[in-house]
Amino acid sequence: MDYRRFGDTIVARFDRGEEILEQLRAVCLREQVKLAEVSALGAVNDFTVGVFNTGTKQYKANRFEGAFEIVSLTGTVSTMDGEYYAHLHMSAGDAEGKVFGGHLNRAVISATCELILRVIDGRVDREADPEVGLNLFRFD
């Protein structure tokens, strides 16, 4: 992984074999990012995404292995109880053009991942909402 910061924007390259969520966390902790918007593209060969069931308040995880292009990776970095918190969604397409996606749990890079992190001057914490079953933005 390598990255550069240009004002409020961090441009990062994650490399083959690295896991996206781990690398994003490392950059954010190093740069003391408390609030940001994330977007990325690249290629992965092993990823797990989930879909939230509002009735059961649980995620169903789906794991995919093989050659996939990230067609969309978007999300936010914020805090929960003052600590780093990332919420990302990813869609990836296979050789036939079929796309799979959802809440990102894990993604291992097969070639590269180009990630843009737009740092926002501010802070938004999260709080568990028992009715919804998710950790939602909390504005103080």
C-alpha atoms as a PDB file:
ATOM      1  CA  MET A   1       0.000   0.000   0.000  1.00  0.00           C
ATOM      2  CA  ASP A   2       1.062   3.520  -0.693  1.00  0.00           C
ATOM      3  CA  TYR A   3      -0.777   6.817  -0.525  1.00  0.00           C
ATOM      4  CA  ARG A   4      -0.420  10.584  -0.662  1.00  0.00           C
ATOM      5  CA  ARG A   5      -2.458  13.302   0.988  1.00  0.00           C
ATOM      6  CA  PHE A   6      -3.412  16.402  -0.993  1.00  0.00           C
ATOM      7  CA  GLY A   7      -5.223  18.802   1.347  1.00  0.00           C
ATOM      8  CA  ASP A   8      -8.526  17.155   2.258  1.00  0.00           C
ATOM      9  CA  THR A   9      -8.058  14.255  -0.177  1.00  0.00           C
ATOM     10  CA  ILE A  10      -6.067  11.053   0.233  1.00  0.00           C
ATOM     11  CA  VAL A  11      -5.238   9.060  -2.903  1.00  0.00           C
ATOM     12  CA  ALA A  12      -4.248   5.468  -2.095  1.00  0.00           C
ATOM     13  CA  ARG A  13      -3.051   2.403  -3.956  1.00  0.00           C
ATOM     14  CA  PHE A  14      -3.655  -0.933  -2.272  1.00  0.00           C
ATOM     15  CA  ASP A  15      -1.686  -3.852  -3.687  1.00  0.00           C
ATOM     16  CA  ARG A  16      -2.121  -7.527  -4.571  1.00  0.00           C
ATOM     17  CA  GLY A  17      -2.834  -9.710  -1.544  1.00  0.00           C
ATOM     18  CA  GLU A  18      -3.847  -6.820   0.702  1.00  0.00           C
ATOM     19  CA  GLU A  19      -7.286  -6.659   2.287  1.00  0.00           C
ATOM     20  CA  ILE A  20      -9.188  -3.441   1.581  1.00  0.00           C
ATOM     21  CA  LEU A  21     -10.771  -2.851   4.998  1.00  0.00           C
ATOM     22  CA  GLU A  22      -7.462  -3.450   6.807  1.00  0.00           C
ATOM     23  CA  GLN A  23      -5.584  -1.031   4.554  1.00  0.00           C
ATOM     24  CA  LEU A  24      -8.286   1.641   4.784  1.00  0.00           C
ATOM     25  CA  ARG A  25      -8.173   1.405   8.575  1.00  0.00           C
ATOM     26  CA  ALA A  26      -4.373   1.742   8.561  1.00  0.00           C
ATOM     27  CA  VAL A  27      -4.494   4.895   6.425  1.00  0.00           C
ATOM     28  CA  CYS A  28      -7.283   6.468   8.487  1.00  0.00           C
ATOM     29  CA  LEU A  29      -5.555   5.807  11.797  1.00  0.00           C
ATOM     30  CA  ARG A  30      -2.220   7.078  10.489  1.00  0.00           C
ATOM     31  CA  GLU A  31      -3.841  10.238   9.095  1.00  0.00           C
ATOM     32  CA  GLN A  32      -6.230  10.663  12.062  1.00  0.00           C
ATOM     33  CA  VAL A  33      -9.306  10.639   9.811  1.00  0.00           C
ATOM     34  CA  LYS A  34     -12.532  10.969  11.810  1.00  0.00           C
ATOM     35  CA  LEU A  35     -14.989  11.615   8.957  1.00  0.00           C
ATOM     36  CA  ALA A  36     -14.617  10.881   5.249  1.00  0.00           C
ATOM     37  CA  GLU A  37     -16.246   9.736   2.034  1.00  0.00           C
ATOM     38  CA  VAL A  38     -14.722   6.682   0.313  1.00  0.00           C
ATOM     39  CA  SER A  39     -14.764   5.658  -3.345  1.00  0.00           C
ATOM     40  CA  ALA A  40     -12.652   3.070  -5.116  1.00  0.00           C
ATOM     41  CA  LEU A  41     -12.238   0.640  -7.988  1.00  0.00           C
ATOM     42  CA  GLY A  42      -9.891  -2.203  -8.762  1.00  0.00           C
ATOM     43  CA  ALA A  43      -9.786  -5.996  -8.888  1.00  0.00           C
ATOM     44  CA  VAL A  44     -10.378  -8.654  -6.237  1.00  0.00           C
ATOM     45  CA  ASN A  45     -10.235 -12.451  -6.157  1.00  0.00           C
ATOM     46  CA  ASP A  46     -11.872 -13.152  -2.792  1.00  0.00           C
ATOM     47  CA  PHE A  47     -14.587 -11.010  -1.246  1.00  0.00           C
ATOM     48  CA  THR A  48     -17.488 -11.278   1.142  1.00  0.00           C
ATOM     49  CA  VAL A  49     -20.480  -8.943   1.061  1.00  0.00           C
ATOM     50  CA  GLY A  50     -23.682  -9.062   3.039  1.00  0.00           C
ATOM     51  CA  VAL A  51     -27.298  -8.054   2.738  1.00  0.00           C
ATOM     52  CA  PHE A  52     -29.147  -6.804   5.827  1.00  0.00           C
ATOM     53  CA  ASN A  53     -32.523  -8.387   6.567  1.00  0.00           C
ATOM     54  CA  THR A  54     -34.636  -5.738   8.300  1.00  0.00           C
ATOM     55  CA  GLY A  55     -36.999  -8.383   9.696  1.00  0.00           C
ATOM     56  CA  THR A  56     -34.369 -10.502  11.463  1.00  0.00           C
ATOM     57  CA  LYS A  57     -31.901  -7.609  11.898  1.00  0.00           C
ATOM     58  CA  GLN A  58     -29.099  -9.832  10.616  1.00  0.00           C
ATOM     59  CA  TYR A  59     -26.745  -9.875   7.652  1.00  0.00           C
ATOM     60  CA  LYS A  60     -26.590 -12.762   5.201  1.00  0.00           C
ATOM     61  CA  ALA A  61     -22.990 -13.032   4.033  1.00  0.00           C
ATOM     62  CA  ASN A  62     -22.082 -14.139   0.508  1.00  0.00           C
ATOM     63  CA  ARG A  63     -18.486 -15.077  -0.369  1.00  0.00           C
ATOM     64  CA  PHE A  64     -17.163 -14.954  -3.924  1.00  0.00           C
ATOM     65  CA  GLU A  65     -13.844 -16.282  -5.239  1.00  0.00           C
ATOM     66  CA  GLY A  66     -12.383 -15.866  -8.714  1.00  0.00           C
ATOM     67  CA  ALA A  67     -11.595 -12.971 -11.032  1.00  0.00           C
ATOM     68  CA  PHE A  68     -13.732  -9.900 -10.275  1.00  0.00           C
ATOM     69  CA  GLU A  69     -13.541  -6.218 -11.176  1.00  0.00           C
ATOM     70  CA  ILE A  70     -14.738  -3.745  -8.565  1.00  0.00           C
ATOM     71  CA  VAL A  71     -17.363  -1.729 -10.407  1.00  0.00           C
ATOM     72  CA  SER A  72     -18.263   0.317  -7.336  1.00  0.00           C
ATOM     73  CA  LEU A  73     -16.883   0.676  -3.840  1.00  0.00           C
ATOM     74  CA  THR A  74     -18.382   3.494  -1.833  1.00  0.00           C
ATOM     75  CA  GLY A  75     -18.953   4.375   1.775  1.00  0.00           C
ATOM     76  CA  THR A  76     -18.104   6.432   4.812  1.00  0.00           C
ATOM     77  CA  VAL A  77     -15.589   6.608   7.593  1.00  0.00           C
ATOM     78  CA  SER A  78     -16.875   7.965  10.889  1.00  0.00           C
ATOM     79  CA  THR A  79     -16.541   7.067  14.559  1.00  0.00           C
ATOM     80  CA  MET A  80     -18.465   4.998  17.072  1.00  0.00           C
ATOM     81  CA  ASP A  81     -17.786   5.728  20.727  1.00  0.00           C
ATOM     82  CA  GLY A  82     -14.984   7.947  19.443  1.00  0.00           C
ATOM     83  CA  GLU A  83     -13.226   5.057  17.641  1.00  0.00           C
ATOM     84  CA  TYR A  84     -12.656   4.414  13.922  1.00  0.00           C
ATOM     85  CA  TYR A  85     -15.712   3.033  12.098  1.00  0.00           C
ATOM     86  CA  ALA A  86     -16.037   2.251   8.374  1.00  0.00           C
ATOM     87  CA  HIS A  87     -19.237   1.462   6.472  1.00  0.00           C
ATOM     88  CA  LEU A  88     -18.601   0.362   2.882  1.00  0.00           C
ATOM     89  CA  HIS A  89     -20.617  -1.245   0.107  1.00  0.00           C
ATOM     90  CA  MET A  90     -19.023  -2.951  -2.880  1.00  0.00           C
ATOM     91  CA  SER A  91     -20.196  -4.350  -6.201  1.00  0.00           C
ATOM     92  CA  ALA A  92     -17.929  -6.532  -8.339  1.00  0.00           C
ATOM     93  CA  GLY A  93     -18.447  -8.075 -11.762  1.00  0.00           C
ATOM     94  CA  ASP A  94     -17.246 -11.407 -13.117  1.00  0.00           C
ATOM     95  CA  ALA A  95     -16.064 -12.393 -16.619  1.00  0.00           C
ATOM     96  CA  GLU A  96     -19.672 -12.801 -17.817  1.00  0.00           C
ATOM     97  CA  GLY A  97     -20.656  -9.361 -16.567  1.00  0.00           C
ATOM     98  CA  LYS A  98     -22.672 -10.632 -13.613  1.00  0.00           C
ATOM     99  CA  VAL A  99     -22.401  -8.229 -10.694  1.00  0.00           C
ATOM    100  CA  PHE A 100     -22.614  -9.159  -7.014  1.00  0.00           C
ATOM    101  CA  GLY A 101     -22.577  -6.749  -4.120  1.00  0.00           C
ATOM    102  CA  GLY A 102     -23.636  -5.597  -0.716  1.00  0.00           C
ATOM    103  CA  HIS A 103     -22.181  -4.476   2.616  1.00  0.00           C
ATOM    104  CA  LEU A 104     -18.420  -5.104   2.456  1.00  0.00           C
ATOM    105  CA  ASN A 105     -17.102  -7.568   5.038  1.00  0.00           C
ATOM    106  CA  ARG A 106     -13.801  -8.480   3.380  1.00  0.00           C
ATOM    107  CA  ALA A 107     -12.054  -8.088   0.013  1.00  0.00           C
ATOM    108  CA  VAL A 108      -8.611  -9.322  -1.037  1.00  0.00           C
ATOM    109  CA  ILE A 109      -6.998  -7.486  -3.928  1.00  0.00           C
ATOM    110  CA  SER A 110      -5.890  -9.513  -6.951  1.00  0.00           C
ATOM    111  CA  ALA A 111      -4.239  -6.713  -8.934  1.00  0.00           C
ATOM    112  CA  THR A 112      -4.736  -3.253  -7.443  1.00  0.00           C
ATOM    113  CA  CYS A 113      -7.255  -1.021  -5.746  1.00  0.00           C
ATOM    114  CA  GLU A 114      -7.322   2.734  -6.380  1.00  0.00           C
ATOM    115  CA  LEU A 115      -9.045   4.448  -3.478  1.00  0.00           C
ATOM    116  CA  ILE A 116      -9.979   8.090  -2.954  1.00  0.00           C
ATOM    117  CA  LEU A 117     -10.699   9.271   0.566  1.00  0.00           C
ATOM    118  CA  ARG A 118     -12.255  12.737   0.848  1.00  0.00           C
ATOM    119  CA  VAL A 119     -11.692  13.880   4.400  1.00  0.00           C
ATOM    120  CA  ILE A 120     -14.487  16.021   5.858  1.00  0.00           C
ATOM    121  CA  ASP A 121     -13.703  18.617   8.500  1.00  0.00           C
ATOM    122  CA  GLY A 122     -16.008  17.489  11.286  1.00  0.00           C
ATOM    123  CA  ARG A 123     -17.049  14.531  13.322  1.00  0.00           C
ATOM    124  CA  VAL A 124     -20.112  12.286  13.244  1.00  0.00           C
ATOM    125  CA  ASP A 125     -20.381   9.454  15.740  1.00  0.00           C
ATOM    126  CA  ARG A 126     -22.551   6.342  15.427  1.00  0.00           C
ATOM    127  CA  GLU A 127     -24.977   4.815  17.846  1.00  0.00           C
ATOM    128  CA  ALA A 128     -26.655   1.402  17.869  1.00  0.00           C
ATOM    129  CA  ASP A 129     -30.356   1.703  17.036  1.00  0.00           C
ATOM    130  CA  PRO A 130     -32.161  -1.314  18.511  1.00  0.00           C
ATOM    131  CA  GLU A 131     -35.310  -0.725  16.457  1.00  0.00           C
ATOM    132  CA  VAL A 132     -33.482  -0.728  13.124  1.00  0.00           C
ATOM    133  CA  GLY A 133     -30.685  -3.058  14.218  1.00  0.00           C
ATOM    134  CA  LEU A 134     -27.883  -0.964  12.750  1.00  0.00           C
ATOM    135  CA  ASN A 135     -25.294   1.559  13.938  1.00  0.00           C
ATOM    136  CA  LEU A 136     -26.698   4.878  12.684  1.00  0.00           C
ATOM    137  CA  PHE A 137     -25.201   8.348  12.394  1.00  0.00           C
ATOM    138  CA  ARG A 138     -25.693  10.389  15.569  1.00  0.00           C
ATOM    139  CA  PHE A 139     -25.516  14.163  15.231  1.00  0.00           C
ATOM    140  CA  ASP A 140     -24.763  16.016  18.459  1.00  0.00           C
END
